[in-house]
Amino acid sequence: MSERDDGLTHLDADGRPQMVDVTKKDGTRRTAVAEGRILMEAETLSRIVEGRTEKGDPVQVAQLAGIIGGKKTADLIPLCHALPGASVEVVLETDAALPGLRALATATYKGKTGVEMEALTAVSVALLTVYDMVKAVDRGMRIEGIRLLRKEGGASGSWTLDEA
């Protein structure tokens, strides 16, 4: 594996994709937190809160889908390492001011590579699931603001969005 001077670890010196070699790294506890939101019509949010959705409870299904999505990140993003045993938690909360739902995902792992992509994937899949479950009543919903809030662990240490 050849290294680049510009820090792009997923490309070799010739610009070809490469899997990052983590075999020489020490295993540490790593955590990443990501967020996102889905905006919708106020009536759509009311239907979710009141349990008036035809496909079931979008919040519970989205939480489960987000967890599964986070654990399957390596199946979706070609150069992500599989992280067996990683923990993924997803919480969705209603926000009448949007109106819509906010999603927060936390991924934790003890190993040689980070979990930022797992947290970001979990949020994305959770919000896409909400869209799928209520699109029949509101096709204009908008998913936005998906971003990493913080990460801890690994050689690069801690990072927080507010401090970036």
N, C-alpha and C. Protein backbone atom coordinates (compact mmCIF):
# COMPACT_ATOMS: atom_id res chain seq x y z
N MET A 1 0.85 -1.17 0.00
CA MET A 1 0.00 0.00 0.00
C MET A 1 0.90 1.24 0.00
N SER A 2 0.69 2.09 -0.97
CA SER A 2 1.48 3.31 -1.04
C SER A 2 0.72 4.47 -0.41
N GLU A 3 1.44 5.36 0.23
CA GLU A 3 0.83 6.47 0.96
C GLU A 3 0.87 7.75 0.15
N ARG A 4 -0.05 8.63 0.44
CA ARG A 4 -0.13 9.93 -0.22
C ARG A 4 0.35 11.01 0.73
N ASP A 5 0.80 12.10 0.14
CA ASP A 5 1.25 13.24 0.94
C ASP A 5 0.09 14.12 1.41
N ASP A 6 -1.08 14.01 0.77
CA ASP A 6 -2.19 14.91 1.07
C ASP A 6 -3.14 14.38 2.14
N GLY A 7 -2.85 13.21 2.72
CA GLY A 7 -3.66 12.68 3.81
C GLY A 7 -4.89 11.90 3.38
N LEU A 8 -5.13 11.75 2.08
CA LEU A 8 -6.30 10.99 1.61
C LEU A 8 -5.97 9.50 1.70
N THR A 9 -6.37 8.90 2.81
CA THR A 9 -5.96 7.53 3.13
C THR A 9 -6.64 6.46 2.29
N HIS A 10 -7.77 6.78 1.66
CA HIS A 10 -8.49 5.78 0.88
C HIS A 10 -8.08 5.77 -0.59
N LEU A 11 -7.04 6.56 -0.92
CA LEU A 11 -6.49 6.55 -2.28
C LEU A 11 -5.00 6.29 -2.19
N ASP A 12 -4.47 5.46 -3.11
CA ASP A 12 -3.03 5.24 -3.11
C ASP A 12 -2.33 6.39 -3.84
N ALA A 13 -1.03 6.30 -3.96
CA ALA A 13 -0.25 7.38 -4.56
C ALA A 13 -0.63 7.63 -6.01
N ASP A 14 -1.22 6.64 -6.67
CA ASP A 14 -1.66 6.79 -8.06
C ASP A 14 -3.13 7.16 -8.18
N GLY A 15 -3.80 7.40 -7.04
CA GLY A 15 -5.20 7.80 -7.06
C GLY A 15 -6.19 6.65 -7.11
N ARG A 16 -5.73 5.43 -6.95
CA ARG A 16 -6.63 4.27 -6.95
C ARG A 16 -7.18 4.04 -5.55
N PRO A 17 -8.42 3.56 -5.46
CA PRO A 17 -8.99 3.27 -4.14
C PRO A 17 -8.21 2.17 -3.43
N GLN A 18 -8.10 2.33 -2.10
CA GLN A 18 -7.43 1.31 -1.30
C GLN A 18 -8.08 1.24 0.07
N MET A 19 -8.06 0.06 0.63
CA MET A 19 -8.53 -0.14 2.00
C MET A 19 -7.41 0.32 2.93
N VAL A 20 -7.75 1.07 3.95
CA VAL A 20 -6.75 1.53 4.90
C VAL A 20 -6.27 0.34 5.72
N ASP A 21 -4.97 0.21 5.87
CA ASP A 21 -4.38 -0.88 6.66
C ASP A 21 -4.36 -0.46 8.13
N VAL A 22 -5.21 -1.09 8.93
CA VAL A 22 -5.28 -0.73 10.35
C VAL A 22 -4.58 -1.77 11.23
N THR A 23 -3.88 -2.71 10.62
CA THR A 23 -3.30 -3.81 11.39
C THR A 23 -2.22 -3.35 12.37
N LYS A 24 -1.59 -2.22 12.11
CA LYS A 24 -0.53 -1.74 13.00
C LYS A 24 -1.05 -0.82 14.10
N LYS A 25 -2.31 -0.47 14.04
CA LYS A 25 -2.90 0.44 15.03
C LYS A 25 -3.22 -0.31 16.32
N ASP A 26 -3.23 0.43 17.42
CA ASP A 26 -3.68 -0.12 18.69
C ASP A 26 -5.20 -0.03 18.77
N GLY A 27 -5.82 -1.03 19.36
CA GLY A 27 -7.25 -0.99 19.58
C GLY A 27 -7.58 -0.07 20.75
N THR A 28 -8.50 0.85 20.55
CA THR A 28 -8.96 1.75 21.61
C THR A 28 -10.48 1.83 21.56
N ARG A 29 -11.05 2.34 22.63
CA ARG A 29 -12.50 2.58 22.65
C ARG A 29 -12.76 3.82 21.82
N ARG A 30 -13.71 3.72 20.91
CA ARG A 30 -14.04 4.82 20.01
C ARG A 30 -15.54 5.06 20.03
N THR A 31 -15.91 6.33 20.01
CA THR A 31 -17.32 6.71 20.01
C THR A 31 -17.52 7.82 18.99
N ALA A 32 -18.64 7.78 18.31
CA ALA A 32 -19.02 8.85 17.39
C ALA A 32 -20.50 9.14 17.55
N VAL A 33 -20.85 10.41 17.46
CA VAL A 33 -22.24 10.85 17.59
C VAL A 33 -22.58 11.69 16.35
N ALA A 34 -23.70 11.35 15.71
CA ALA A 34 -24.15 12.08 14.52
C ALA A 34 -25.61 12.47 14.70
N GLU A 35 -26.03 13.47 13.94
CA GLU A 35 -27.42 13.93 14.01
C GLU A 35 -27.94 14.22 12.60
N GLY A 36 -29.25 14.35 12.52
CA GLY A 36 -29.92 14.76 11.30
C GLY A 36 -31.38 15.03 11.63
N ARG A 37 -32.11 15.52 10.64
CA ARG A 37 -33.53 15.80 10.88
C ARG A 37 -34.32 15.61 9.59
N ILE A 38 -35.60 15.38 9.77
CA ILE A 38 -36.51 15.30 8.64
C ILE A 38 -37.63 16.30 8.90
N LEU A 39 -37.81 17.20 7.96
CA LEU A 39 -38.85 18.23 8.06
C LEU A 39 -40.06 17.76 7.29
N MET A 40 -41.23 18.09 7.81
CA MET A 40 -42.48 17.63 7.22
C MET A 40 -43.59 18.61 7.53
N GLU A 41 -44.72 18.39 6.93
CA GLU A 41 -45.90 19.20 7.23
C GLU A 41 -46.32 18.95 8.69
N ALA A 42 -46.87 19.98 9.31
CA ALA A 42 -47.30 19.86 10.71
C ALA A 42 -48.32 18.73 10.87
N GLU A 43 -49.19 18.57 9.89
CA GLU A 43 -50.20 17.50 9.96
C GLU A 43 -49.54 16.12 9.92
N THR A 44 -48.47 15.98 9.17
CA THR A 44 -47.76 14.70 9.11
C THR A 44 -47.16 14.37 10.48
N LEU A 45 -46.56 15.37 11.10
CA LEU A 45 -45.99 15.15 12.43
C LEU A 45 -47.10 14.80 13.42
N SER A 46 -48.23 15.46 13.34
CA SER A 46 -49.36 15.15 14.22
C SER A 46 -49.80 13.70 14.04
N ARG A 47 -49.86 13.25 12.81
CA ARG A 47 -50.26 11.86 12.55
C ARG A 47 -49.27 10.88 13.20
N ILE A 48 -47.99 11.21 13.14
CA ILE A 48 -46.98 10.34 13.75
C ILE A 48 -47.16 10.33 15.27
N VAL A 49 -47.26 11.50 15.87
CA VAL A 49 -47.39 11.62 17.32
C VAL A 49 -48.65 10.94 17.83
N GLU A 50 -49.74 11.06 17.09
CA GLU A 50 -51.03 10.51 17.50
C GLU A 50 -51.22 9.05 17.09
N GLY A 51 -50.25 8.47 16.41
CA GLY A 51 -50.35 7.07 16.01
C GLY A 51 -51.31 6.84 14.85
N ARG A 52 -51.47 7.84 13.99
CA ARG A 52 -52.39 7.72 12.86
C ARG A 52 -51.63 7.49 11.54
N THR A 53 -50.70 6.55 11.56
CA THR A 53 -49.97 6.21 10.34
C THR A 53 -50.31 4.77 9.97
N GLU A 54 -50.50 4.55 8.68
CA GLU A 54 -50.99 3.26 8.20
C GLU A 54 -49.98 2.13 8.34
N LYS A 55 -48.69 2.43 8.27
CA LYS A 55 -47.67 1.38 8.27
C LYS A 55 -47.15 1.05 9.66
N GLY A 56 -47.69 1.65 10.71
CA GLY A 56 -47.19 1.41 12.06
C GLY A 56 -46.49 2.63 12.60
N ASP A 57 -45.75 2.44 13.67
CA ASP A 57 -45.07 3.54 14.35
C ASP A 57 -43.74 3.85 13.65
N PRO A 58 -43.69 4.96 12.90
CA PRO A 58 -42.46 5.28 12.17
C PRO A 58 -41.25 5.50 13.07
N VAL A 59 -41.46 6.00 14.27
CA VAL A 59 -40.34 6.29 15.16
C VAL A 59 -39.68 4.99 15.62
N GLN A 60 -40.46 4.03 16.08
CA GLN A 60 -39.87 2.76 16.53
C GLN A 60 -39.23 2.00 15.39
N VAL A 61 -39.88 1.97 14.24
CA VAL A 61 -39.32 1.26 13.10
C VAL A 61 -38.03 1.95 12.64
N ALA A 62 -38.02 3.28 12.63
CA ALA A 62 -36.83 4.03 12.20
C ALA A 62 -35.66 3.82 13.17
N GLN A 63 -35.96 3.74 14.46
CA GLN A 63 -34.88 3.48 15.43
C GLN A 63 -34.24 2.12 15.15
N LEU A 64 -35.05 1.12 14.94
CA LEU A 64 -34.54 -0.22 14.63
C LEU A 64 -33.79 -0.21 13.30
N ALA A 65 -34.35 0.41 12.28
CA ALA A 65 -33.69 0.47 10.97
C ALA A 65 -32.35 1.20 11.07
N GLY A 66 -32.29 2.26 11.86
CA GLY A 66 -31.04 2.98 12.04
C GLY A 66 -29.97 2.12 12.68
N ILE A 67 -30.35 1.35 13.68
CA ILE A 67 -29.40 0.44 14.33
C ILE A 67 -28.87 -0.58 13.32
N ILE A 68 -29.78 -1.18 12.58
CA ILE A 68 -29.38 -2.17 11.58
C ILE A 68 -28.50 -1.52 10.51
N GLY A 69 -28.90 -0.34 10.05
CA GLY A 69 -28.12 0.37 9.03
C GLY A 69 -26.72 0.69 9.51
N GLY A 70 -26.60 1.14 10.75
CA GLY A 70 -25.29 1.44 11.30
C GLY A 70 -24.40 0.21 11.36
N LYS A 71 -24.98 -0.93 11.70
CA LYS A 71 -24.20 -2.17 11.79
C LYS A 71 -23.84 -2.72 10.41
N LYS A 72 -24.54 -2.29 9.37
CA LYS A 72 -24.27 -2.76 8.01
C LYS A 72 -23.50 -1.74 7.17
N THR A 73 -22.90 -0.78 7.82
CA THR A 73 -22.19 0.28 7.10
C THR A 73 -21.16 -0.28 6.12
N ALA A 74 -20.40 -1.27 6.53
CA ALA A 74 -19.36 -1.84 5.65
C ALA A 74 -19.96 -2.49 4.40
N ASP A 75 -21.23 -2.90 4.47
CA ASP A 75 -21.90 -3.47 3.29
C ASP A 75 -22.33 -2.38 2.31
N LEU A 76 -22.45 -1.15 2.78
CA LEU A 76 -22.94 -0.06 1.95
C LEU A 76 -21.84 0.85 1.42
N ILE A 77 -20.79 1.04 2.19
CA ILE A 77 -19.71 1.96 1.83
C ILE A 77 -18.46 1.12 1.61
N PRO A 78 -17.99 1.05 0.37
CA PRO A 78 -17.00 0.06 -0.02
C PRO A 78 -15.71 0.00 0.81
N LEU A 79 -15.19 1.11 1.28
CA LEU A 79 -13.89 1.07 1.95
C LEU A 79 -13.98 1.17 3.47
N CYS A 80 -15.18 0.96 4.02
CA CYS A 80 -15.34 0.93 5.48
C CYS A 80 -15.04 -0.47 5.99
N HIS A 81 -14.36 -0.53 7.11
CA HIS A 81 -14.08 -1.82 7.74
C HIS A 81 -15.33 -2.33 8.44
N ALA A 82 -15.54 -3.64 8.41
CA ALA A 82 -16.62 -4.25 9.19
C ALA A 82 -16.24 -4.18 10.66
N LEU A 83 -17.21 -3.85 11.50
CA LEU A 83 -16.94 -3.68 12.93
C LEU A 83 -17.84 -4.61 13.75
N PRO A 84 -17.51 -5.90 13.79
CA PRO A 84 -18.34 -6.81 14.58
C PRO A 84 -18.30 -6.43 16.06
N GLY A 85 -19.45 -6.44 16.65
CA GLY A 85 -19.55 -6.09 18.07
C GLY A 85 -19.75 -4.62 18.34
N ALA A 86 -19.79 -3.79 17.30
CA ALA A 86 -20.03 -2.37 17.51
C ALA A 86 -21.43 -2.16 18.09
N SER A 87 -21.54 -1.17 18.94
CA SER A 87 -22.83 -0.80 19.52
C SER A 87 -23.36 0.42 18.78
N VAL A 88 -24.63 0.37 18.39
CA VAL A 88 -25.26 1.50 17.72
C VAL A 88 -26.57 1.80 18.42
N GLU A 89 -26.73 3.05 18.82
CA GLU A 89 -27.98 3.51 19.46
C GLU A 89 -28.55 4.65 18.62
N VAL A 90 -29.86 4.61 18.41
CA VAL A 90 -30.53 5.66 17.65
C VAL A 90 -31.73 6.15 18.43
N VAL A 91 -31.84 7.47 18.54
CA VAL A 91 -32.97 8.09 19.22
C VAL A 91 -33.61 9.08 18.26
N LEU A 92 -34.93 9.03 18.13
CA LEU A 92 -35.66 10.02 17.35
C LEU A 92 -36.59 10.77 18.27
N GLU A 93 -36.63 12.09 18.10
CA GLU A 93 -37.49 12.93 18.92
C GLU A 93 -38.28 13.87 18.03
N THR A 94 -39.53 14.10 18.41
CA THR A 94 -40.34 15.04 17.64
C THR A 94 -39.91 16.46 17.98
N ASP A 95 -40.05 17.34 17.00
CA ASP A 95 -39.73 18.75 17.17
C ASP A 95 -40.78 19.56 16.43
N ALA A 96 -41.74 20.07 17.17
CA ALA A 96 -42.85 20.83 16.56
C ALA A 96 -42.36 22.10 15.89
N ALA A 97 -41.22 22.63 16.32
CA ALA A 97 -40.70 23.86 15.72
C ALA A 97 -40.22 23.64 14.29
N LEU A 98 -39.84 22.42 13.92
CA LEU A 98 -39.35 22.18 12.57
C LEU A 98 -40.44 22.37 11.51
N PRO A 99 -41.57 21.77 11.53
CA PRO A 99 -41.96 20.56 12.26
C PRO A 99 -41.27 19.33 11.66
N GLY A 100 -41.03 18.35 12.53
CA GLY A 100 -40.42 17.12 12.06
C GLY A 100 -39.81 16.32 13.19
N LEU A 101 -38.85 15.51 12.83
CA LEU A 101 -38.17 14.65 13.78
C LEU A 101 -36.67 14.90 13.72
N ARG A 102 -36.03 14.81 14.86
CA ARG A 102 -34.57 14.87 14.95
C ARG A 102 -34.08 13.47 15.29
N ALA A 103 -32.99 13.08 14.65
CA ALA A 103 -32.39 11.77 14.92
C ALA A 103 -30.99 11.99 15.47
N LEU A 104 -30.64 11.18 16.45
CA LEU A 104 -29.31 11.21 17.05
C LEU A 104 -28.82 9.77 17.13
N ALA A 105 -27.64 9.52 16.60
CA ALA A 105 -27.08 8.17 16.64
C ALA A 105 -25.73 8.20 17.33
N THR A 106 -25.50 7.20 18.16
CA THR A 106 -24.22 7.03 18.84
C THR A 106 -23.70 5.64 18.51
N ALA A 107 -22.48 5.59 18.00
CA ALA A 107 -21.84 4.32 17.69
C ALA A 107 -20.60 4.19 18.57
N THR A 108 -20.40 3.01 19.13
CA THR A 108 -19.27 2.76 20.02
C THR A 108 -18.62 1.44 19.62
N TYR A 109 -17.29 1.44 19.69
CA TYR A 109 -16.55 0.24 19.28
C TYR A 109 -15.19 0.26 19.95
N LYS A 110 -14.68 -0.91 20.30
CA LYS A 110 -13.31 -1.01 20.77
C LYS A 110 -12.53 -1.76 19.70
N GLY A 111 -11.64 -1.02 19.05
CA GLY A 111 -10.89 -1.63 17.96
C GLY A 111 -9.91 -0.66 17.34
N LYS A 112 -9.55 -0.95 16.09
CA LYS A 112 -8.49 -0.23 15.41
C LYS A 112 -8.96 0.81 14.41
N THR A 113 -10.26 1.03 14.32
CA THR A 113 -10.77 2.01 13.37
C THR A 113 -11.99 2.70 13.96
N GLY A 114 -12.28 3.89 13.47
CA GLY A 114 -13.35 4.72 14.03
C GLY A 114 -14.75 4.29 13.63
N VAL A 115 -15.73 4.92 14.24
CA VAL A 115 -17.13 4.58 14.02
C VAL A 115 -17.95 5.77 13.52
N GLU A 116 -17.27 6.77 12.95
CA GLU A 116 -18.00 7.93 12.44
C GLU A 116 -19.00 7.54 11.36
N MET A 117 -18.57 6.68 10.44
CA MET A 117 -19.45 6.30 9.34
C MET A 117 -20.65 5.49 9.83
N GLU A 118 -20.46 4.71 10.88
CA GLU A 118 -21.58 3.95 11.44
C GLU A 118 -22.62 4.88 12.02
N ALA A 119 -22.19 5.91 12.75
CA ALA A 119 -23.14 6.87 13.32
C ALA A 119 -23.86 7.64 12.22
N LEU A 120 -23.12 8.09 11.21
CA LEU A 120 -23.73 8.85 10.10
C LEU A 120 -24.69 7.97 9.30
N THR A 121 -24.33 6.72 9.08
CA THR A 121 -25.21 5.82 8.34
C THR A 121 -26.47 5.52 9.14
N ALA A 122 -26.32 5.33 10.44
CA ALA A 122 -27.48 5.05 11.29
C ALA A 122 -28.50 6.20 11.23
N VAL A 123 -28.02 7.43 11.31
CA VAL A 123 -28.92 8.59 11.22
C VAL A 123 -29.59 8.61 9.85
N SER A 124 -28.82 8.41 8.80
CA SER A 124 -29.37 8.47 7.44
C SER A 124 -30.44 7.42 7.22
N VAL A 125 -30.17 6.19 7.63
CA VAL A 125 -31.14 5.10 7.43
C VAL A 125 -32.39 5.34 8.27
N ALA A 126 -32.23 5.83 9.49
CA ALA A 126 -33.40 6.12 10.34
C ALA A 126 -34.30 7.16 9.67
N LEU A 127 -33.71 8.23 9.17
CA LEU A 127 -34.51 9.28 8.55
C LEU A 127 -35.14 8.83 7.24
N LEU A 128 -34.41 8.04 6.46
CA LEU A 128 -34.99 7.48 5.24
C LEU A 128 -36.17 6.56 5.55
N THR A 129 -36.09 5.86 6.66
CA THR A 129 -37.18 4.97 7.06
C THR A 129 -38.42 5.77 7.42
N VAL A 130 -38.24 6.88 8.14
CA VAL A 130 -39.39 7.75 8.43
C VAL A 130 -40.03 8.19 7.12
N TYR A 131 -39.20 8.64 6.19
CA TYR A 131 -39.73 9.08 4.89
C TYR A 131 -40.54 7.96 4.24
N ASP A 132 -39.98 6.77 4.20
CA ASP A 132 -40.67 5.65 3.57
C ASP A 132 -42.01 5.36 4.23
N MET A 133 -42.06 5.46 5.54
CA MET A 133 -43.27 5.07 6.26
C MET A 133 -44.40 6.08 6.14
N VAL A 134 -44.09 7.34 5.86
CA VAL A 134 -45.18 8.34 5.79
C VAL A 134 -45.21 9.10 4.46
N LYS A 135 -44.46 8.63 3.47
CA LYS A 135 -44.42 9.32 2.18
C LYS A 135 -45.77 9.38 1.49
N ALA A 136 -46.65 8.45 1.78
CA ALA A 136 -47.97 8.46 1.15
C ALA A 136 -48.77 9.70 1.51
N VAL A 137 -48.47 10.30 2.67
CA VAL A 137 -49.21 11.51 3.08
C VAL A 137 -48.39 12.79 2.94
N ASP A 138 -47.06 12.65 2.70
CA ASP A 138 -46.23 13.86 2.63
C ASP A 138 -44.96 13.58 1.83
N ARG A 139 -45.06 13.65 0.52
CA ARG A 139 -43.90 13.39 -0.34
C ARG A 139 -42.90 14.53 -0.32
N GLY A 140 -43.28 15.67 0.23
CA GLY A 140 -42.39 16.83 0.27
C GLY A 140 -41.48 16.89 1.48
N MET A 141 -41.44 15.82 2.27
CA MET A 141 -40.54 15.82 3.43
C MET A 141 -39.10 16.04 2.96
N ARG A 142 -38.29 16.63 3.85
CA ARG A 142 -36.92 16.98 3.49
C ARG A 142 -35.97 16.50 4.59
N ILE A 143 -35.01 15.69 4.19
CA ILE A 143 -33.97 15.22 5.11
C ILE A 143 -32.80 16.18 4.98
N GLU A 144 -32.31 16.65 6.13
CA GLU A 144 -31.20 17.60 6.08
C GLU A 144 -30.39 17.58 7.37
N GLY A 145 -29.28 18.28 7.32
CA GLY A 145 -28.47 18.49 8.51
C GLY A 145 -27.76 17.26 9.04
N ILE A 146 -27.54 16.27 8.20
CA ILE A 146 -26.82 15.08 8.67
C ILE A 146 -25.35 15.45 8.83
N ARG A 147 -24.86 15.26 10.03
CA ARG A 147 -23.47 15.65 10.30
C ARG A 147 -22.95 14.95 11.55
N LEU A 148 -21.63 14.89 11.61
CA LEU A 148 -20.96 14.35 12.78
C LEU A 148 -20.90 15.44 13.84
N LEU A 149 -21.28 15.11 15.06
CA LEU A 149 -21.22 16.06 16.17
C LEU A 149 -19.92 15.93 16.95
N ARG A 150 -19.51 14.66 17.16
CA ARG A 150 -18.25 14.46 17.88
C ARG A 150 -17.76 13.04 17.69
N LYS A 151 -16.47 12.89 17.91
CA LYS A 151 -15.85 11.57 17.91
C LYS A 151 -14.79 11.55 18.99
N GLU A 152 -14.59 10.39 19.57
CA GLU A 152 -13.61 10.21 20.64
C GLU A 152 -12.84 8.93 20.38
N GLY A 153 -11.56 8.94 20.74
CA GLY A 153 -10.74 7.76 20.64
C GLY A 153 -9.89 7.74 19.39
N GLY A 154 -8.98 6.79 19.36
CA GLY A 154 -8.10 6.64 18.22
C GLY A 154 -6.90 7.57 18.29
N ALA A 155 -6.03 7.44 17.30
CA ALA A 155 -4.79 8.22 17.27
C ALA A 155 -5.04 9.72 17.17
N SER A 156 -6.13 10.12 16.52
CA SER A 156 -6.39 11.55 16.35
C SER A 156 -7.09 12.16 17.57
N GLY A 157 -7.46 11.33 18.55
CA GLY A 157 -8.07 11.86 19.77
C GLY A 157 -9.51 12.27 19.59
N SER A 158 -9.90 13.27 20.38
CA SER A 158 -11.30 13.72 20.37
C SER A 158 -11.48 14.89 19.40
N TRP A 159 -12.68 14.98 18.86
CA TRP A 159 -13.06 16.07 17.97
C TRP A 159 -14.51 16.40 18.27
N THR A 160 -14.84 17.69 18.35
CA THR A 160 -16.21 18.15 18.56
C THR A 160 -16.53 19.20 17.52
N LEU A 161 -17.71 19.15 16.94
CA LEU A 161 -18.11 20.08 15.89
C LEU A 161 -17.92 21.53 16.30
N ASP A 162 -18.33 21.88 17.51
CA ASP A 162 -18.25 23.28 17.97
C ASP A 162 -16.82 23.77 18.08
N GLU A 163 -15.88 22.85 18.21
CA GLU A 163 -14.49 23.22 18.37
C GLU A 163 -13.72 23.16 17.06
N ALA A 164 -14.39 22.71 16.00
CA ALA A 164 -13.69 22.53 14.71
C ALA A 164 -13.45 23.87 14.04
